[in-house]
Amino acid sequence: MKVSVITVVLNAVDTIEDTIKSVIDQDYEDIEHIVIDGGSTDGTLDVIDRYREKLAATVSESDDGIYDAMNKGIDLATGAVVGTLNSDDWYENNSVISRVVAAFENDVDLDAVYG
């Protein structure tokens, strides 16, 4: 089951690397990480560029706010499960995505998981 993780970012040079690394370090393999940048000017793009080959997609352009940016990510997402991870957040441990997938696999009527 593919999982799409969308991160929307604008000028988060101090936190975006931790966000990206926390997705890369997940023990679940079938993850596409999509990063939507709103036109950062603080070095955020330099950090994103260092991880570009690990990211499924990146977009850097102005948008009409966070929800417009999230919708851009959703349009690019191909996973059966789609989630968001803000640019100043990170997964606390490397099994978060595998636990989300297990929840969906164990309950076919499940619509959402949060925590």
N, C-alpha and C. Protein backbone atom coordinates (compact mmCIF):
# COMPACT_ATOMS: atom_id res chain seq x y z
N MET A 1 0.85 -1.17 0.00
CA MET A 1 0.00 0.00 0.00
C MET A 1 0.90 1.24 0.00
N LYS A 2 0.81 2.02 -1.06
CA LYS A 2 1.61 3.23 -1.14
C LYS A 2 1.02 4.32 -0.24
N VAL A 3 1.91 5.04 0.44
CA VAL A 3 1.53 6.16 1.29
C VAL A 3 2.15 7.43 0.73
N SER A 4 1.33 8.44 0.52
CA SER A 4 1.81 9.75 0.08
C SER A 4 1.85 10.67 1.29
N VAL A 5 3.01 11.30 1.50
CA VAL A 5 3.17 12.28 2.57
C VAL A 5 3.42 13.62 1.91
N ILE A 6 2.58 14.60 2.23
CA ILE A 6 2.69 15.93 1.64
C ILE A 6 3.20 16.89 2.70
N THR A 7 4.27 17.60 2.37
CA THR A 7 4.80 18.64 3.24
C THR A 7 4.72 19.96 2.50
N VAL A 8 4.04 20.92 3.10
CA VAL A 8 3.93 22.27 2.58
C VAL A 8 4.91 23.13 3.38
N VAL A 9 5.69 23.94 2.68
CA VAL A 9 6.74 24.70 3.37
C VAL A 9 6.87 26.10 2.80
N LEU A 10 7.19 27.03 3.66
CA LEU A 10 7.57 28.38 3.26
C LEU A 10 8.55 28.90 4.31
N ASN A 11 9.78 29.12 3.87
CA ASN A 11 10.81 29.69 4.73
C ASN A 11 10.95 28.94 6.06
N ALA A 12 11.34 27.69 5.97
CA ALA A 12 11.51 26.85 7.16
C ALA A 12 12.89 26.20 7.15
N VAL A 13 13.91 26.97 6.84
CA VAL A 13 15.26 26.42 6.73
C VAL A 13 15.71 25.73 8.02
N ASP A 14 15.22 26.18 9.16
CA ASP A 14 15.66 25.61 10.43
C ASP A 14 15.01 24.27 10.77
N THR A 15 13.93 23.91 10.08
CA THR A 15 13.20 22.69 10.47
C THR A 15 12.96 21.69 9.33
N ILE A 16 13.04 22.12 8.09
CA ILE A 16 12.64 21.25 6.97
C ILE A 16 13.53 20.01 6.86
N GLU A 17 14.78 20.11 7.22
CA GLU A 17 15.65 18.94 7.12
C GLU A 17 15.20 17.84 8.09
N ASP A 18 14.85 18.21 9.31
CA ASP A 18 14.35 17.21 10.27
C ASP A 18 13.07 16.57 9.76
N THR A 19 12.22 17.37 9.13
CA THR A 19 10.97 16.85 8.57
C THR A 19 11.26 15.81 7.50
N ILE A 20 12.10 16.17 6.54
CA ILE A 20 12.43 15.27 5.44
C ILE A 20 13.11 14.00 5.95
N LYS A 21 14.07 14.16 6.85
CA LYS A 21 14.78 12.99 7.38
C LYS A 21 13.84 12.04 8.11
N SER A 22 12.85 12.59 8.80
CA SER A 22 11.94 11.71 9.54
C SER A 22 11.09 10.86 8.61
N VAL A 23 10.85 11.33 7.40
CA VAL A 23 10.13 10.52 6.41
C VAL A 23 11.09 9.50 5.80
N ILE A 24 12.28 9.93 5.44
CA ILE A 24 13.27 9.02 4.86
C ILE A 24 13.58 7.87 5.82
N ASP A 25 13.62 8.15 7.11
CA ASP A 25 14.01 7.15 8.10
C ASP A 25 12.89 6.18 8.49
N GLN A 26 11.72 6.32 7.91
CA GLN A 26 10.62 5.40 8.24
C GLN A 26 10.98 3.98 7.82
N ASP A 27 10.52 3.00 8.59
CA ASP A 27 10.82 1.60 8.27
C ASP A 27 9.88 1.04 7.21
N TYR A 28 8.91 1.80 6.79
CA TYR A 28 7.99 1.38 5.73
C TYR A 28 8.57 1.85 4.40
N GLU A 29 8.57 0.98 3.40
CA GLU A 29 9.27 1.26 2.14
C GLU A 29 8.47 2.06 1.12
N ASP A 30 7.18 1.82 1.01
CA ASP A 30 6.40 2.37 -0.10
C ASP A 30 5.81 3.74 0.24
N ILE A 31 6.70 4.72 0.36
CA ILE A 31 6.31 6.09 0.70
C ILE A 31 6.75 7.01 -0.42
N GLU A 32 5.86 7.90 -0.83
CA GLU A 32 6.27 8.99 -1.70
C GLU A 32 6.12 10.28 -0.91
N HIS A 33 7.21 11.02 -0.80
CA HIS A 33 7.20 12.28 -0.07
C HIS A 33 7.16 13.41 -1.09
N ILE A 34 6.13 14.23 -0.99
CA ILE A 34 5.91 15.35 -1.91
C ILE A 34 6.09 16.63 -1.12
N VAL A 35 6.98 17.50 -1.58
CA VAL A 35 7.24 18.76 -0.89
C VAL A 35 6.79 19.91 -1.78
N ILE A 36 5.90 20.73 -1.25
CA ILE A 36 5.37 21.89 -1.97
C ILE A 36 5.89 23.14 -1.26
N ASP A 37 6.76 23.86 -1.94
CA ASP A 37 7.36 25.08 -1.39
C ASP A 37 6.66 26.30 -1.99
N GLY A 38 6.33 27.24 -1.15
CA GLY A 38 5.61 28.43 -1.59
C GLY A 38 6.49 29.56 -2.10
N GLY A 39 7.75 29.26 -2.39
CA GLY A 39 8.66 30.29 -2.89
C GLY A 39 9.59 30.79 -1.80
N SER A 40 10.15 29.88 -1.04
CA SER A 40 11.02 30.24 0.08
C SER A 40 12.22 31.06 -0.38
N THR A 41 12.67 31.95 0.51
CA THR A 41 13.81 32.82 0.21
C THR A 41 14.90 32.73 1.28
N ASP A 42 14.80 31.77 2.18
CA ASP A 42 15.71 31.72 3.33
C ASP A 42 16.70 30.56 3.30
N GLY A 43 16.81 29.86 2.19
CA GLY A 43 17.70 28.71 2.11
C GLY A 43 16.98 27.38 2.20
N THR A 44 15.67 27.41 2.40
CA THR A 44 14.88 26.18 2.45
C THR A 44 15.08 25.34 1.19
N LEU A 45 15.10 26.00 0.04
CA LEU A 45 15.26 25.26 -1.23
C LEU A 45 16.60 24.55 -1.32
N ASP A 46 17.64 25.13 -0.74
CA ASP A 46 18.95 24.47 -0.73
C ASP A 46 18.87 23.15 0.04
N VAL A 47 18.15 23.16 1.16
CA VAL A 47 17.98 21.93 1.94
C VAL A 47 17.18 20.92 1.14
N ILE A 48 16.08 21.36 0.55
CA ILE A 48 15.24 20.46 -0.25
C ILE A 48 16.05 19.86 -1.39
N ASP A 49 16.87 20.67 -2.04
CA ASP A 49 17.69 20.18 -3.16
C ASP A 49 18.63 19.07 -2.73
N ARG A 50 19.15 19.11 -1.51
CA ARG A 50 20.05 18.06 -1.02
C ARG A 50 19.35 16.71 -0.93
N TYR A 51 18.04 16.71 -0.82
CA TYR A 51 17.28 15.48 -0.67
C TYR A 51 16.41 15.17 -1.88
N ARG A 52 16.58 15.92 -2.95
CA ARG A 52 15.67 15.82 -4.10
C ARG A 52 15.53 14.38 -4.62
N GLU A 53 16.61 13.61 -4.66
CA GLU A 53 16.51 12.24 -5.19
C GLU A 53 15.72 11.32 -4.26
N LYS A 54 15.53 11.69 -3.02
CA LYS A 54 14.74 10.90 -2.08
C LYS A 54 13.27 11.33 -2.07
N LEU A 55 12.96 12.43 -2.73
CA LEU A 55 11.60 12.97 -2.75
C LEU A 55 10.90 12.56 -4.03
N ALA A 56 9.63 12.23 -3.93
CA ALA A 56 8.86 11.83 -5.11
C ALA A 56 8.60 13.01 -6.02
N ALA A 57 8.36 14.17 -5.43
CA ALA A 57 8.08 15.37 -6.23
C ALA A 57 8.35 16.60 -5.38
N THR A 58 8.79 17.64 -6.04
CA THR A 58 8.94 18.94 -5.39
C THR A 58 8.38 20.00 -6.33
N VAL A 59 7.73 20.97 -5.74
CA VAL A 59 7.21 22.11 -6.48
C VAL A 59 7.63 23.34 -5.69
N SER A 60 8.16 24.35 -6.38
CA SER A 60 8.46 25.62 -5.72
C SER A 60 7.90 26.74 -6.57
N GLU A 61 6.83 27.32 -6.08
CA GLU A 61 6.17 28.43 -6.77
C GLU A 61 5.24 29.11 -5.78
N SER A 62 4.90 30.33 -6.06
CA SER A 62 3.96 31.00 -5.17
C SER A 62 2.60 30.32 -5.27
N ASP A 63 1.85 30.44 -4.20
CA ASP A 63 0.52 29.83 -4.18
C ASP A 63 -0.43 30.78 -3.46
N ASP A 64 -1.66 30.35 -3.32
CA ASP A 64 -2.69 31.16 -2.67
C ASP A 64 -2.90 30.73 -1.22
N GLY A 65 -1.83 30.32 -0.56
CA GLY A 65 -1.92 29.94 0.84
C GLY A 65 -1.73 28.46 1.05
N ILE A 66 -1.77 28.08 2.31
CA ILE A 66 -1.45 26.70 2.70
C ILE A 66 -2.39 25.68 2.08
N TYR A 67 -3.67 26.02 1.97
CA TYR A 67 -4.62 25.04 1.44
C TYR A 67 -4.46 24.87 -0.06
N ASP A 68 -4.12 25.93 -0.76
CA ASP A 68 -3.80 25.81 -2.18
C ASP A 68 -2.58 24.92 -2.36
N ALA A 69 -1.57 25.12 -1.52
CA ALA A 69 -0.36 24.31 -1.60
C ALA A 69 -0.67 22.84 -1.29
N MET A 70 -1.49 22.60 -0.27
CA MET A 70 -1.86 21.21 0.05
C MET A 70 -2.59 20.56 -1.12
N ASN A 71 -3.46 21.31 -1.77
CA ASN A 71 -4.18 20.76 -2.92
C ASN A 71 -3.24 20.43 -4.07
N LYS A 72 -2.18 21.23 -4.25
CA LYS A 72 -1.17 20.89 -5.26
C LYS A 72 -0.54 19.54 -4.93
N GLY A 73 -0.24 19.33 -3.67
CA GLY A 73 0.34 18.05 -3.25
C GLY A 73 -0.62 16.90 -3.45
N ILE A 74 -1.88 17.11 -3.11
CA ILE A 74 -2.89 16.06 -3.30
C ILE A 74 -3.01 15.70 -4.77
N ASP A 75 -2.95 16.71 -5.64
CA ASP A 75 -3.03 16.45 -7.08
C ASP A 75 -1.88 15.56 -7.56
N LEU A 76 -0.72 15.66 -6.92
CA LEU A 76 0.45 14.87 -7.31
C LEU A 76 0.48 13.49 -6.63
N ALA A 77 -0.25 13.33 -5.56
CA ALA A 77 -0.20 12.11 -4.76
C ALA A 77 -0.80 10.92 -5.51
N THR A 78 -0.14 9.78 -5.40
CA THR A 78 -0.63 8.54 -6.01
C THR A 78 -0.86 7.44 -4.99
N GLY A 79 -0.68 7.74 -3.72
CA GLY A 79 -0.83 6.73 -2.68
C GLY A 79 -2.27 6.40 -2.36
N ALA A 80 -2.47 5.18 -1.85
CA ALA A 80 -3.79 4.78 -1.37
C ALA A 80 -4.13 5.52 -0.08
N VAL A 81 -3.10 5.92 0.65
CA VAL A 81 -3.24 6.71 1.86
C VAL A 81 -2.48 8.01 1.64
N VAL A 82 -3.11 9.13 1.98
CA VAL A 82 -2.49 10.45 1.82
C VAL A 82 -2.50 11.14 3.17
N GLY A 83 -1.33 11.63 3.56
CA GLY A 83 -1.22 12.36 4.82
C GLY A 83 -0.40 13.61 4.66
N THR A 84 -0.46 14.46 5.67
CA THR A 84 0.34 15.69 5.66
C THR A 84 1.31 15.66 6.84
N LEU A 85 2.44 16.27 6.63
CA LEU A 85 3.43 16.47 7.68
C LEU A 85 3.95 17.88 7.52
N ASN A 86 3.63 18.74 8.47
CA ASN A 86 4.03 20.14 8.36
C ASN A 86 5.54 20.30 8.39
N SER A 87 6.02 21.40 7.86
CA SER A 87 7.46 21.61 7.68
C SER A 87 8.19 21.88 8.99
N ASP A 88 7.49 22.04 10.08
CA ASP A 88 8.15 22.19 11.38
C ASP A 88 7.79 21.03 12.31
N ASP A 89 7.32 19.94 11.71
CA ASP A 89 7.01 18.71 12.46
C ASP A 89 7.86 17.57 11.92
N TRP A 90 7.92 16.49 12.66
CA TRP A 90 8.63 15.30 12.21
C TRP A 90 8.01 14.10 12.91
N TYR A 91 8.24 12.92 12.32
CA TYR A 91 7.77 11.69 12.94
C TYR A 91 8.68 11.36 14.11
N GLU A 92 8.09 11.08 15.24
CA GLU A 92 8.84 10.86 16.47
C GLU A 92 9.70 9.60 16.41
N ASN A 93 9.24 8.59 15.67
CA ASN A 93 10.04 7.38 15.53
C ASN A 93 9.87 6.83 14.12
N ASN A 94 10.62 5.79 13.80
CA ASN A 94 10.65 5.32 12.41
C ASN A 94 9.55 4.32 12.06
N SER A 95 8.61 4.10 12.94
CA SER A 95 7.54 3.14 12.64
C SER A 95 6.16 3.79 12.51
N VAL A 96 6.10 5.09 12.44
CA VAL A 96 4.80 5.78 12.38
C VAL A 96 4.02 5.34 11.14
N ILE A 97 4.64 5.39 9.97
CA ILE A 97 3.93 5.06 8.73
C ILE A 97 3.53 3.58 8.71
N SER A 98 4.40 2.70 9.17
CA SER A 98 4.03 1.28 9.17
C SER A 98 2.85 1.02 10.09
N ARG A 99 2.74 1.76 11.18
CA ARG A 99 1.58 1.60 12.08
C ARG A 99 0.31 2.17 11.44
N VAL A 100 0.44 3.25 10.69
CA VAL A 100 -0.72 3.80 9.97
C VAL A 100 -1.21 2.78 8.94
N VAL A 101 -0.28 2.22 8.17
CA VAL A 101 -0.65 1.22 7.16
C VAL A 101 -1.31 0.02 7.83
N ALA A 102 -0.77 -0.45 8.93
CA ALA A 102 -1.36 -1.60 9.64
C ALA A 102 -2.79 -1.29 10.07
N ALA A 103 -3.03 -0.07 10.51
CA ALA A 103 -4.39 0.30 10.92
C ALA A 103 -5.35 0.22 9.74
N PHE A 104 -4.93 0.72 8.59
CA PHE A 104 -5.79 0.65 7.40
C PHE A 104 -5.97 -0.79 6.91
N GLU A 105 -4.93 -1.59 6.99
CA GLU A 105 -5.04 -2.98 6.54
C GLU A 105 -5.92 -3.81 7.47
N ASN A 106 -5.94 -3.46 8.74
CA ASN A 106 -6.72 -4.23 9.72
C ASN A 106 -8.18 -3.82 9.80
N ASP A 107 -8.54 -2.70 9.19
CA ASP A 107 -9.93 -2.23 9.24
C ASP A 107 -10.28 -1.60 7.90
N VAL A 108 -10.92 -2.36 7.04
CA VAL A 108 -11.22 -1.89 5.68
C VAL A 108 -12.22 -0.74 5.68
N ASP A 109 -12.92 -0.51 6.78
CA ASP A 109 -13.87 0.59 6.87
C ASP A 109 -13.25 1.87 7.42
N LEU A 110 -11.98 1.83 7.74
CA LEU A 110 -11.28 2.97 8.32
C LEU A 110 -11.12 4.08 7.29
N ASP A 111 -11.45 5.30 7.68
CA ASP A 111 -11.32 6.45 6.79
C ASP A 111 -10.15 7.35 7.14
N ALA A 112 -9.75 7.39 8.40
CA ALA A 112 -8.70 8.32 8.82
C ALA A 112 -7.97 7.77 10.04
N VAL A 113 -6.71 8.17 10.16
CA VAL A 113 -5.89 7.87 11.32
C VAL A 113 -5.20 9.17 11.71
N TYR A 114 -5.15 9.45 12.98
CA TYR A 114 -4.44 10.65 13.43
C TYR A 114 -3.79 10.35 14.77
N GLY A 115 -2.89 11.22 15.15
CA GLY A 115 -2.27 11.02 16.45
C GLY A 115 -1.03 11.82 16.61
